Amino acid sequence: MKISKETMNVLKNFATISNNLRIYPGNELATISPQQSIFAKATVADTFPVEACIYNLNSLLELFSYMGDQEVEFG
């Protein structure tokens, strides 16, 4: 799947709240700060096919920036 620029912007904003992210199948993303004082939820244009856990969201976003417009496969 290709991740749109809008979804990438949401992920970048989520990375400022928490460095970890759990993605559930569908098009809704949510995160909570480690202190549980900030919660954010967004509906994005992209639909994620499977559940995925990201340990270091900033590193993943940096990798995406180097890759450019590439397909991402979740497995």
Protein backbone atom coordinates (compact mmCIF):
# COMPACT_ATOMS: atom_id res chain seq x y z
CA MET A 1 0.00 0.00 0.00
CA LYS A 2 1.08 3.57 -0.53
CA ILE A 3 0.87 5.86 2.47
CA SER A 4 -0.49 9.28 1.56
CA LYS A 5 1.15 12.55 2.57
CA GLU A 6 -1.82 13.35 4.79
CA THR A 7 -1.39 10.08 6.71
CA MET A 8 2.35 10.73 6.98
CA ASN A 9 1.58 14.13 8.52
CA VAL A 10 -0.72 12.49 11.06
CA LEU A 11 2.00 9.95 11.89
CA LYS A 12 4.54 12.77 12.34
CA ASN A 13 2.18 14.52 14.74
CA PHE A 14 1.59 11.27 16.63
CA ALA A 15 5.37 10.81 16.96
CA THR A 16 5.50 14.01 19.02
CA ILE A 17 3.02 12.44 21.47
CA SER A 18 4.46 8.93 21.71
CA ASN A 19 7.28 7.12 19.93
CA ASN A 20 5.32 3.83 19.88
CA LEU A 21 2.24 3.16 17.81
CA ARG A 22 -0.12 0.25 17.41
CA ILE A 23 -2.04 0.28 14.13
CA TYR A 24 -5.28 -1.68 13.92
CA PRO A 25 -6.89 -2.76 10.64
CA GLY A 26 -8.94 0.07 9.17
CA ASN A 27 -8.49 3.80 8.73
CA GLU A 28 -8.46 5.08 12.30
CA LEU A 29 -5.24 5.81 14.17
CA ALA A 30 -4.92 6.66 17.85
CA THR A 31 -2.09 7.29 20.30
CA ILE A 32 -1.62 8.22 23.93
CA SER A 33 1.35 9.77 25.68
CA PRO A 34 3.41 7.66 28.11
CA GLN A 35 2.06 9.78 30.99
CA GLN A 36 -1.47 9.20 29.64
CA SER A 37 -2.10 12.95 29.66
CA ILE A 38 -2.49 13.41 25.88
CA PHE A 39 -4.73 11.35 23.61
CA ALA A 40 -5.07 11.82 19.87
CA LYS A 41 -7.27 10.05 17.33
CA ALA A 42 -7.51 10.57 13.58
CA THR A 43 -9.39 9.11 10.66
CA VAL A 44 -7.07 8.90 7.66
CA ALA A 45 -7.64 8.30 3.96
CA ASP A 46 -5.51 5.14 3.90
CA THR A 47 -6.85 1.79 5.09
CA PHE A 48 -4.35 -0.41 6.89
CA PRO A 49 -4.90 -4.10 6.07
CA VAL A 50 -3.50 -5.73 9.24
CA GLU A 51 -2.52 -4.92 12.81
CA ALA A 52 1.03 -3.62 13.17
CA CYS A 53 3.09 -2.42 16.12
CA ILE A 54 5.77 0.22 15.65
CA TYR A 55 8.42 0.46 18.34
CA ASN A 56 10.20 3.58 17.08
CA LEU A 57 7.89 5.74 14.99
CA ASN A 58 10.50 8.46 14.39
CA SER A 59 12.93 5.95 12.86
CA LEU A 60 10.22 4.55 10.61
CA LEU A 61 9.22 8.03 9.44
CA GLU A 62 12.86 8.83 8.71
CA LEU A 63 13.11 5.64 6.64
CA PHE A 64 9.96 6.58 4.73
CA SER A 65 11.45 10.01 3.95
CA TYR A 66 14.49 8.34 2.35
CA MET A 67 12.39 5.85 0.39
CA GLY A 68 10.24 8.43 -1.32
CA ASP A 69 7.01 7.27 -2.94
CA GLN A 70 7.30 3.51 -2.39
CA GLU A 71 4.92 0.68 -1.62
CA VAL A 72 4.77 -0.46 2.00
CA GLU A 73 3.87 -4.07 2.76
CA PHE A 74 2.59 -5.12 6.16
CA GLY A 75 3.00 -8.74 7.12
